[in-house]
Amino acid sequence: MTKIVLNGAGSVEFTKELLVDILSFGELAGSTIALFDIDRERLETAAAIARWTAAALGAPATIEPHLDRRAALDGADHVISMIRAGGHEG
């Protein structure tokens, strides 16, 4: 199974749009999607939306939220960095 890490997944809208693109490919629909962010609240929101998105698409993806970067990256096949330069205010 393919493991894809979204590094900086707290950007909920971008995470959702990217997941729609990724999970629309049959080869990736059953992937493990590891979401990493340092902000627990944003990460929990992103994970809930990611699970909803996968279900809406009928994709059997596994969604794993992580606050620990190393745990998220363990066994990764692909890593997408979504960290905004300069961080996020507010």
PDB file of N, CA and C in Angstrom:
ATOM      1  N   MET A   1       0.840  -1.177   0.000  1.00  0.00           N
ATOM      2  CA  MET A   1       0.000   0.000   0.000  1.00  0.00           C
ATOM      3  C   MET A   1       0.888   1.244   0.000  1.00  0.00           C
ATOM      4  N   THR A   2       0.491   2.240  -0.729  1.00  0.00           N
ATOM      5  CA  THR A   2       1.239   3.490  -0.836  1.00  0.00           C
ATOM      6  C   THR A   2       0.956   4.378   0.369  1.00  0.00           C
ATOM      7  N   LYS A   3       2.020   4.982   0.905  1.00  0.00           N
ATOM      8  CA  LYS A   3       1.864   5.947   1.998  1.00  0.00           C
ATOM      9  C   LYS A   3       2.299   7.312   1.497  1.00  0.00           C
ATOM     10  N   ILE A   4       1.377   8.265   1.606  1.00  0.00           N
ATOM     11  CA  ILE A   4       1.625   9.635   1.174  1.00  0.00           C
ATOM     12  C   ILE A   4       1.529  10.537   2.395  1.00  0.00           C
ATOM     13  N   VAL A   5       2.562  11.343   2.616  1.00  0.00           N
ATOM     14  CA  VAL A   5       2.581  12.260   3.751  1.00  0.00           C
ATOM     15  C   VAL A   5       2.302  13.673   3.252  1.00  0.00           C
ATOM     16  N   LEU A   6       1.350  14.333   3.904  1.00  0.00           N
ATOM     17  CA  LEU A   6       1.086  15.744   3.641  1.00  0.00           C
ATOM     18  C   LEU A   6       1.664  16.509   4.821  1.00  0.00           C
ATOM     19  N   ASN A   7       2.802  17.130   4.594  1.00  0.00           N
ATOM     20  CA  ASN A   7       3.554  17.835   5.632  1.00  0.00           C
ATOM     21  C   ASN A   7       3.075  19.284   5.699  1.00  0.00           C
ATOM     22  N   GLY A   8       2.446  19.646   6.810  1.00  0.00           N
ATOM     23  CA  GLY A   8       1.842  20.973   6.931  1.00  0.00           C
ATOM     24  C   GLY A   8       0.378  20.914   6.549  1.00  0.00           C
ATOM     25  N   ALA A   9      -0.295  19.857   6.995  1.00  0.00           N
ATOM     26  CA  ALA A   9      -1.673  19.578   6.579  1.00  0.00           C
ATOM     27  C   ALA A   9      -2.714  20.465   7.244  1.00  0.00           C
ATOM     28  N   GLY A  10      -2.293  21.369   8.124  1.00  0.00           N
ATOM     29  CA  GLY A  10      -3.239  22.238   8.815  1.00  0.00           C
ATOM     30  C   GLY A  10      -3.922  23.250   7.920  1.00  0.00           C
ATOM     31  N   SER A  11      -3.426  23.404   6.702  1.00  0.00           N
ATOM     32  CA  SER A  11      -4.088  24.267   5.725  1.00  0.00           C
ATOM     33  C   SER A  11      -5.248  23.467   5.141  1.00  0.00           C
ATOM     34  N   VAL A  12      -6.380  23.530   5.811  1.00  0.00           N
ATOM     35  CA  VAL A  12      -7.489  22.619   5.556  1.00  0.00           C
ATOM     36  C   VAL A  12      -8.005  22.667   4.124  1.00  0.00           C
ATOM     37  N   GLU A  13      -8.222  23.839   3.585  1.00  0.00           N
ATOM     38  CA  GLU A  13      -8.774  23.941   2.231  1.00  0.00           C
ATOM     39  C   GLU A  13      -7.820  23.354   1.195  1.00  0.00           C
ATOM     40  N   PHE A  14      -6.535  23.667   1.314  1.00  0.00           N
ATOM     41  CA  PHE A  14      -5.559  23.129   0.368  1.00  0.00           C
ATOM     42  C   PHE A  14      -5.442  21.619   0.530  1.00  0.00           C
ATOM     43  N   THR A  15      -5.454  21.138   1.775  1.00  0.00           N
ATOM     44  CA  THR A  15      -5.386  19.697   2.029  1.00  0.00           C
ATOM     45  C   THR A  15      -6.562  18.989   1.373  1.00  0.00           C
ATOM     46  N   LYS A  16      -7.756  19.541   1.530  1.00  0.00           N
ATOM     47  CA  LYS A  16      -8.955  18.929   0.941  1.00  0.00           C
ATOM     48  C   LYS A  16      -8.848  18.864  -0.575  1.00  0.00           C
ATOM     49  N   GLU A  17      -8.479  19.958  -1.201  1.00  0.00           N
ATOM     50  CA  GLU A  17      -8.378  19.989  -2.664  1.00  0.00           C
ATOM     51  C   GLU A  17      -7.314  19.015  -3.172  1.00  0.00           C
ATOM     52  N   LEU A  18      -6.193  18.945  -2.487  1.00  0.00           N
ATOM     53  CA  LEU A  18      -5.129  18.027  -2.877  1.00  0.00           C
ATOM     54  C   LEU A  18      -5.581  16.577  -2.727  1.00  0.00           C
ATOM     55  N   LEU A  19      -6.298  16.276  -1.651  1.00  0.00           N
ATOM     56  CA  LEU A  19      -6.805  14.916  -1.452  1.00  0.00           C
ATOM     57  C   LEU A  19      -7.780  14.510  -2.542  1.00  0.00           C
ATOM     58  N   VAL A  20      -8.637  15.423  -2.954  1.00  0.00           N
ATOM     59  CA  VAL A  20      -9.563  15.117  -4.053  1.00  0.00           C
ATOM     60  C   VAL A  20      -8.763  14.705  -5.285  1.00  0.00           C
ATOM     61  N   ASP A  21      -7.713  15.441  -5.588  1.00  0.00           N
ATOM     62  CA  ASP A  21      -6.875  15.109  -6.746  1.00  0.00           C
ATOM     63  C   ASP A  21      -6.194  13.756  -6.569  1.00  0.00           C
ATOM     64  N   ILE A  22      -5.579  13.530  -5.413  1.00  0.00           N
ATOM     65  CA  ILE A  22      -4.844  12.281  -5.168  1.00  0.00           C
ATOM     66  C   ILE A  22      -5.785  11.078  -5.209  1.00  0.00           C
ATOM     67  N   LEU A  23      -6.888  11.161  -4.477  1.00  0.00           N
ATOM     68  CA  LEU A  23      -7.776  10.007  -4.333  1.00  0.00           C
ATOM     69  C   LEU A  23      -8.626   9.737  -5.564  1.00  0.00           C
ATOM     70  N   SER A  24      -8.617  10.633  -6.535  1.00  0.00           N
ATOM     71  CA  SER A  24      -9.360  10.390  -7.772  1.00  0.00           C
ATOM     72  C   SER A  24      -8.636   9.406  -8.684  1.00  0.00           C
ATOM     73  N   PHE A  25      -7.368   9.136  -8.397  1.00  0.00           N
ATOM     74  CA  PHE A  25      -6.612   8.137  -9.155  1.00  0.00           C
ATOM     75  C   PHE A  25      -6.832   6.772  -8.510  1.00  0.00           C
ATOM     76  N   GLY A  26      -7.333   5.830  -9.280  1.00  0.00           N
ATOM     77  CA  GLY A  26      -7.603   4.495  -8.756  1.00  0.00           C
ATOM     78  C   GLY A  26      -6.408   3.861  -8.076  1.00  0.00           C
ATOM     79  N   GLU A  27      -5.218   4.111  -8.620  1.00  0.00           N
ATOM     80  CA  GLU A  27      -3.997   3.527  -8.061  1.00  0.00           C
ATOM     81  C   GLU A  27      -3.680   4.075  -6.673  1.00  0.00           C
ATOM     82  N   LEU A  28      -4.203   5.246  -6.343  1.00  0.00           N
ATOM     83  CA  LEU A  28      -3.892   5.891  -5.066  1.00  0.00           C
ATOM     84  C   LEU A  28      -5.080   5.924  -4.108  1.00  0.00           C
ATOM     85  N   ALA A  29      -6.253   5.512  -4.561  1.00  0.00           N
ATOM     86  CA  ALA A  29      -7.468   5.626  -3.750  1.00  0.00           C
ATOM     87  C   ALA A  29      -7.379   4.873  -2.426  1.00  0.00           C
ATOM     88  N   GLY A  30      -6.616   3.790  -2.377  1.00  0.00           N
ATOM     89  CA  GLY A  30      -6.488   2.997  -1.152  1.00  0.00           C
ATOM     90  C   GLY A  30      -5.248   3.320  -0.346  1.00  0.00           C
ATOM     91  N   SER A  31      -4.647   4.443  -0.617  1.00  0.00           N
ATOM     92  CA  SER A  31      -3.402   4.827   0.061  1.00  0.00           C
ATOM     93  C   SER A  31      -3.620   5.157   1.530  1.00  0.00           C
ATOM     94  N   THR A  32      -2.522   5.102   2.270  1.00  0.00           N
ATOM     95  CA  THR A  32      -2.504   5.664   3.614  1.00  0.00           C
ATOM     96  C   THR A  32      -2.073   7.111   3.456  1.00  0.00           C
ATOM     97  N   ILE A  33      -2.877   8.015   3.972  1.00  0.00           N
ATOM     98  CA  ILE A  33      -2.575   9.442   3.909  1.00  0.00           C
ATOM     99  C   ILE A  33      -2.211   9.887   5.320  1.00  0.00           C
ATOM    100  N   ALA A  34      -0.941  10.210   5.515  1.00  0.00           N
ATOM    101  CA  ALA A  34      -0.472  10.679   6.816  1.00  0.00           C
ATOM    102  C   ALA A  34      -0.462  12.200   6.799  1.00  0.00           C
ATOM    103  N   LEU A  35      -1.218  12.782   7.697  1.00  0.00           N
ATOM    104  CA  LEU A  35      -1.292  14.239   7.804  1.00  0.00           C
ATOM    105  C   LEU A  35      -0.414  14.673   8.969  1.00  0.00           C
ATOM    106  N   PHE A  36       0.511  15.589   8.718  1.00  0.00           N
ATOM    107  CA  PHE A  36       1.352  16.114   9.792  1.00  0.00           C
ATOM    108  C   PHE A  36       1.165  17.613   9.907  1.00  0.00           C
ATOM    109  N   ASP A  37       1.012  18.069  11.146  1.00  0.00           N
ATOM    110  CA  ASP A  37       1.008  19.496  11.431  1.00  0.00           C
ATOM    111  C   ASP A  37       1.377  19.686  12.895  1.00  0.00           C
ATOM    112  N   ILE A  38       1.874  20.857  13.238  1.00  0.00           N
ATOM    113  CA  ILE A  38       2.253  21.137  14.623  1.00  0.00           C
ATOM    114  C   ILE A  38       1.096  21.721  15.429  1.00  0.00           C
ATOM    115  N   ASP A  39       0.023  22.082  14.764  1.00  0.00           N
ATOM    116  CA  ASP A  39      -1.142  22.671  15.424  1.00  0.00           C
ATOM    117  C   ASP A  39      -2.222  21.595  15.579  1.00  0.00           C
ATOM    118  N   ARG A  40      -2.425  21.132  16.807  1.00  0.00           N
ATOM    119  CA  ARG A  40      -3.359  20.023  17.066  1.00  0.00           C
ATOM    120  C   ARG A  40      -4.773  20.321  16.545  1.00  0.00           C
ATOM    121  N   GLU A  41      -5.265  21.507  16.809  1.00  0.00           N
ATOM    122  CA  GLU A  41      -6.629  21.852  16.407  1.00  0.00           C
ATOM    123  C   GLU A  41      -6.786  21.834  14.886  1.00  0.00           C
ATOM    124  N   ARG A  42      -5.851  22.436  14.193  1.00  0.00           N
ATOM    125  CA  ARG A  42      -5.903  22.436  12.720  1.00  0.00           C
ATOM    126  C   ARG A  42      -5.754  21.013  12.175  1.00  0.00           C
ATOM    127  N   LEU A  43      -4.886  20.227  12.802  1.00  0.00           N
ATOM    128  CA  LEU A  43      -4.674  18.846  12.366  1.00  0.00           C
ATOM    129  C   LEU A  43      -5.949  18.024  12.535  1.00  0.00           C
ATOM    130  N   GLU A  44      -6.610  18.163  13.672  1.00  0.00           N
ATOM    131  CA  GLU A  44      -7.854  17.424  13.902  1.00  0.00           C
ATOM    132  C   GLU A  44      -8.928  17.820  12.894  1.00  0.00           C
ATOM    133  N   THR A  45      -9.007  19.098  12.587  1.00  0.00           N
ATOM    134  CA  THR A  45      -9.971  19.562  11.587  1.00  0.00           C
ATOM    135  C   THR A  45      -9.626  18.990  10.215  1.00  0.00           C
ATOM    136  N   ALA A  46      -8.343  19.043   9.854  1.00  0.00           N
ATOM    137  CA  ALA A  46      -7.902  18.509   8.557  1.00  0.00           C
ATOM    138  C   ALA A  46      -8.183  17.013   8.458  1.00  0.00           C
ATOM    139  N   ALA A  47      -7.951  16.272   9.540  1.00  0.00           N
ATOM    140  CA  ALA A  47      -8.194  14.825   9.530  1.00  0.00           C
ATOM    141  C   ALA A  47      -9.681  14.523   9.352  1.00  0.00           C
ATOM    142  N   ALA A  48     -10.533  15.265  10.033  1.00  0.00           N
ATOM    143  CA  ALA A  48     -11.977  15.055   9.895  1.00  0.00           C
ATOM    144  C   ALA A  48     -12.432  15.331   8.463  1.00  0.00           C
ATOM    145  N   ILE A  49     -11.939  16.404   7.891  1.00  0.00           N
ATOM    146  CA  ILE A  49     -12.305  16.737   6.511  1.00  0.00           C
ATOM    147  C   ILE A  49     -11.715  15.724   5.534  1.00  0.00           C
ATOM    148  N   ALA A  50     -10.510  15.246   5.805  1.00  0.00           N
ATOM    149  CA  ALA A  50      -9.888  14.237   4.941  1.00  0.00           C
ATOM    150  C   ALA A  50     -10.698  12.943   4.958  1.00  0.00           C
ATOM    151  N   ARG A  51     -11.152  12.532   6.132  1.00  0.00           N
ATOM    152  CA  ARG A  51     -11.975  11.314   6.224  1.00  0.00           C
ATOM    153  C   ARG A  51     -13.298  11.501   5.475  1.00  0.00           C
ATOM    154  N   TRP A  52     -13.912  12.672   5.645  1.00  0.00           N
ATOM    155  CA  TRP A  52     -15.163  12.966   4.952  1.00  0.00           C
ATOM    156  C   TRP A  52     -14.939  12.947   3.441  1.00  0.00           C
ATOM    157  N   THR A  53     -13.848  13.561   2.989  1.00  0.00           N
ATOM    158  CA  THR A  53     -13.536  13.631   1.562  1.00  0.00           C
ATOM    159  C   THR A  53     -13.339  12.237   0.983  1.00  0.00           C
ATOM    160  N   ALA A  54     -12.567  11.402   1.674  1.00  0.00           N
ATOM    161  CA  ALA A  54     -12.335  10.031   1.200  1.00  0.00           C
ATOM    162  C   ALA A  54     -13.660   9.274   1.104  1.00  0.00           C
ATOM    163  N   ALA A  55     -14.501   9.404   2.115  1.00  0.00           N
ATOM    164  CA  ALA A  55     -15.795   8.720   2.104  1.00  0.00           C
ATOM    165  C   ALA A  55     -16.679   9.233   0.967  1.00  0.00           C
ATOM    166  N   ALA A  56     -16.688  10.537   0.758  1.00  0.00           N
ATOM    167  CA  ALA A  56     -17.506  11.125  -0.310  1.00  0.00           C
ATOM    168  C   ALA A  56     -17.066  10.642  -1.686  1.00  0.00           C
ATOM    169  N   LEU A  57     -15.773  10.382  -1.829  1.00  0.00           N
ATOM    170  CA  LEU A  57     -15.237   9.892  -3.101  1.00  0.00           C
ATOM    171  C   LEU A  57     -15.330   8.376  -3.223  1.00  0.00           C
ATOM    172  N   GLY A  58     -15.711   7.706  -2.141  1.00  0.00           N
ATOM    173  CA  GLY A  58     -15.744   6.244  -2.142  1.00  0.00           C
ATOM    174  C   GLY A  58     -14.353   5.644  -2.157  1.00  0.00           C
ATOM    175  N   ALA A  59     -13.376   6.389  -1.681  1.00  0.00           N
ATOM    176  CA  ALA A  59     -11.981   5.934  -1.668  1.00  0.00           C
ATOM    177  C   ALA A  59     -11.677   5.248  -0.337  1.00  0.00           C
ATOM    178  N   PRO A  60     -11.126   4.042  -0.377  1.00  0.00           N
ATOM    179  CA  PRO A  60     -10.830   3.318   0.864  1.00  0.00           C
ATOM    180  C   PRO A  60      -9.512   3.743   1.509  1.00  0.00           C
ATOM    181  N   ALA A  61      -9.213   5.014   1.465  1.00  0.00           N
ATOM    182  CA  ALA A  61      -7.957   5.528   2.026  1.00  0.00           C
ATOM    183  C   ALA A  61      -7.982   5.451   3.549  1.00  0.00           C
ATOM    184  N   THR A  62      -6.796   5.295   4.123  1.00  0.00           N
ATOM    185  CA  THR A  62      -6.624   5.352   5.572  1.00  0.00           C
ATOM    186  C   THR A  62      -6.030   6.713   5.898  1.00  0.00           C
ATOM    187  N   ILE A  63      -6.662   7.442   6.804  1.00  0.00           N
ATOM    188  CA  ILE A  63      -6.203   8.778   7.180  1.00  0.00           C
ATOM    189  C   ILE A  63      -5.553   8.690   8.557  1.00  0.00           C
ATOM    190  N   GLU A  64      -4.289   9.121   8.643  1.00  0.00           N
ATOM    191  CA  GLU A  64      -3.541   9.084   9.900  1.00  0.00           C
ATOM    192  C   GLU A  64      -3.053  10.486  10.259  1.00  0.00           C
ATOM    193  N   PRO A  65      -3.640  11.131  11.264  1.00  0.00           N
ATOM    194  CA  PRO A  65      -3.117  12.431  11.702  1.00  0.00           C
ATOM    195  C   PRO A  65      -1.922  12.244  12.635  1.00  0.00           C
ATOM    196  N   HIS A  66      -0.909  13.088  12.493  1.00  0.00           N
ATOM    197  CA  HIS A  66       0.303  12.995  13.316  1.00  0.00           C
ATOM    198  C   HIS A  66       0.757  14.375  13.766  1.00  0.00           C
ATOM    199  N   LEU A  67       1.095  14.477  15.038  1.00  0.00           N
ATOM    200  CA  LEU A  67       1.770  15.665  15.560  1.00  0.00           C
ATOM    201  C   LEU A  67       3.278  15.448  15.568  1.00  0.00           C
ATOM    202  N   ASP A  68       3.705  14.194  15.407  1.00  0.00           N
ATOM    203  CA  ASP A  68       5.118  13.815  15.401  1.00  0.00           C
ATOM    204  C   ASP A  68       5.572  13.618  13.955  1.00  0.00           C
ATOM    205  N   ARG A  69       6.452  14.480  13.491  1.00  0.00           N
ATOM    206  CA  ARG A  69       6.912  14.441  12.098  1.00  0.00           C
ATOM    207  C   ARG A  69       7.558  13.108  11.750  1.00  0.00           C
ATOM    208  N   ARG A  70       8.388  12.592  12.642  1.00  0.00           N
ATOM    209  CA  ARG A  70       9.082  11.328  12.352  1.00  0.00           C
ATOM    210  C   ARG A  70       8.098  10.171  12.195  1.00  0.00           C
ATOM    211  N   ALA A  71       7.094  10.144  13.034  1.00  0.00           N
ATOM    212  CA  ALA A  71       6.077   9.093  12.932  1.00  0.00           C
ATOM    213  C   ALA A  71       5.326   9.208  11.608  1.00  0.00           C
ATOM    214  N   ALA A  72       5.010  10.417  11.211  1.00  0.00           N
ATOM    215  CA  ALA A  72       4.306  10.623   9.942  1.00  0.00           C
ATOM    216  C   ALA A  72       5.147  10.156   8.761  1.00  0.00           C
ATOM    217  N   LEU A  73       6.439  10.439   8.812  1.00  0.00           N
ATOM    218  CA  LEU A  73       7.327  10.125   7.689  1.00  0.00           C
ATOM    219  C   LEU A  73       7.751   8.657   7.628  1.00  0.00           C
ATOM    220  N   ASP A  74       7.590   7.923   8.719  1.00  0.00           N
ATOM    221  CA  ASP A  74       8.017   6.527   8.766  1.00  0.00           C
ATOM    222  C   ASP A  74       7.311   5.702   7.686  1.00  0.00           C
ATOM    223  N   GLY A  75       8.084   5.123   6.794  1.00  0.00           N
ATOM    224  CA  GLY A  75       7.547   4.278   5.733  1.00  0.00           C
ATOM    225  C   GLY A  75       6.925   5.021   4.564  1.00  0.00           C
ATOM    226  N   ALA A  76       7.148   6.321   4.487  1.00  0.00           N
ATOM    227  CA  ALA A  76       6.530   7.121   3.422  1.00  0.00           C
ATOM    228  C   ALA A  76       7.078   6.770   2.042  1.00  0.00           C
ATOM    229  N   ASP A  77       6.186   6.703   1.081  1.00  0.00           N
ATOM    230  CA  ASP A  77       6.573   6.537  -0.321  1.00  0.00           C
ATOM    231  C   ASP A  77       6.682   7.890  -1.010  1.00  0.00           C
ATOM    232  N   HIS A  78       5.834   8.820  -0.585  1.00  0.00           N
ATOM    233  CA  HIS A  78       5.804  10.160  -1.167  1.00  0.00           C
ATOM    234  C   HIS A  78       5.570  11.171  -0.054  1.00  0.00           C
ATOM    235  N   VAL A  79       6.204  12.330  -0.171  1.00  0.00           N
ATOM    236  CA  VAL A  79       6.017  13.410   0.802  1.00  0.00           C
ATOM    237  C   VAL A  79       5.714  14.691   0.034  1.00  0.00           C
ATOM    238  N   ILE A  80       4.642  15.342   0.426  1.00  0.00           N
ATOM    239  CA  ILE A  80       4.268  16.618  -0.177  1.00  0.00           C
ATOM    240  C   ILE A  80       4.365  17.675   0.915  1.00  0.00           C
ATOM    241  N   SER A  81       5.241  18.637   0.706  1.00  0.00           N
ATOM    242  CA  SER A  81       5.416  19.700   1.687  1.00  0.00           C
ATOM    243  C   SER A  81       4.462  20.839   1.369  1.00  0.00           C
ATOM    244  N   MET A  82       3.631  21.161   2.350  1.00  0.00           N
ATOM    245  CA  MET A  82       2.636  22.211   2.167  1.00  0.00           C
ATOM    246  C   MET A  82       2.851  23.329   3.178  1.00  0.00           C
ATOM    247  N   ILE A  83       4.048  23.416   3.709  1.00  0.00           N
ATOM    248  CA  ILE A  83       4.357  24.420   4.717  1.00  0.00           C
ATOM    249  C   ILE A  83       4.553  25.763   4.041  1.00  0.00           C
ATOM    250  N   ARG A  84       3.824  26.726   4.515  1.00  0.00           N
ATOM    251  CA  ARG A  84       3.899  28.072   3.963  1.00  0.00           C
ATOM    252  C   ARG A  84       5.171  28.760   4.446  1.00  0.00           C
ATOM    253  N   ALA A  85       5.893  29.370   3.537  1.00  0.00           N
ATOM    254  CA  ALA A  85       7.096  30.118   3.912  1.00  0.00           C
ATOM    255  C   ALA A  85       6.715  31.207   4.900  1.00  0.00           C
ATOM    256  N   GLY A  86       7.410  31.261   6.011  1.00  0.00           N
ATOM    257  CA  GLY A  86       7.106  32.251   7.034  1.00  0.00           C
ATOM    258  C   GLY A  86       6.071  31.797   8.041  1.00  0.00           C
ATOM    259  N   GLY A  87       5.532  30.591   7.854  1.00  0.00           N
ATOM    260  CA  GLY A  87       4.554  30.078   8.801  1.00  0.00           C
ATOM    261  C   GLY A  87       3.172  30.648   8.585  1.00  0.00           C
ATOM    262  N   HIS A  88       2.334  30.448   9.575  1.00  0.00           N
ATOM    263  CA  HIS A  88       0.945  30.894   9.485  1.00  0.00           C
ATOM    264  C   HIS A  88       0.619  31.735  10.705  1.00  0.00           C
ATOM    265  N   GLU A  89       0.123  32.904  10.480  1.00  0.00           N
ATOM    266  CA  GLU A  89      -0.276  33.769  11.589  1.00  0.00           C
ATOM    267  C   GLU A  89      -1.735  33.523  11.922  1.00  0.00           C
ATOM    268  N   GLY A  90      -2.010  33.510  13.219  1.00  0.00           N
ATOM    269  CA  GLY A  90      -3.393  33.379  13.676  1.00  0.00           C
ATOM    270  C   GLY A  90      -3.850  32.014  13.565  1.00  0.00           C
TER     271      GLY A  90
END
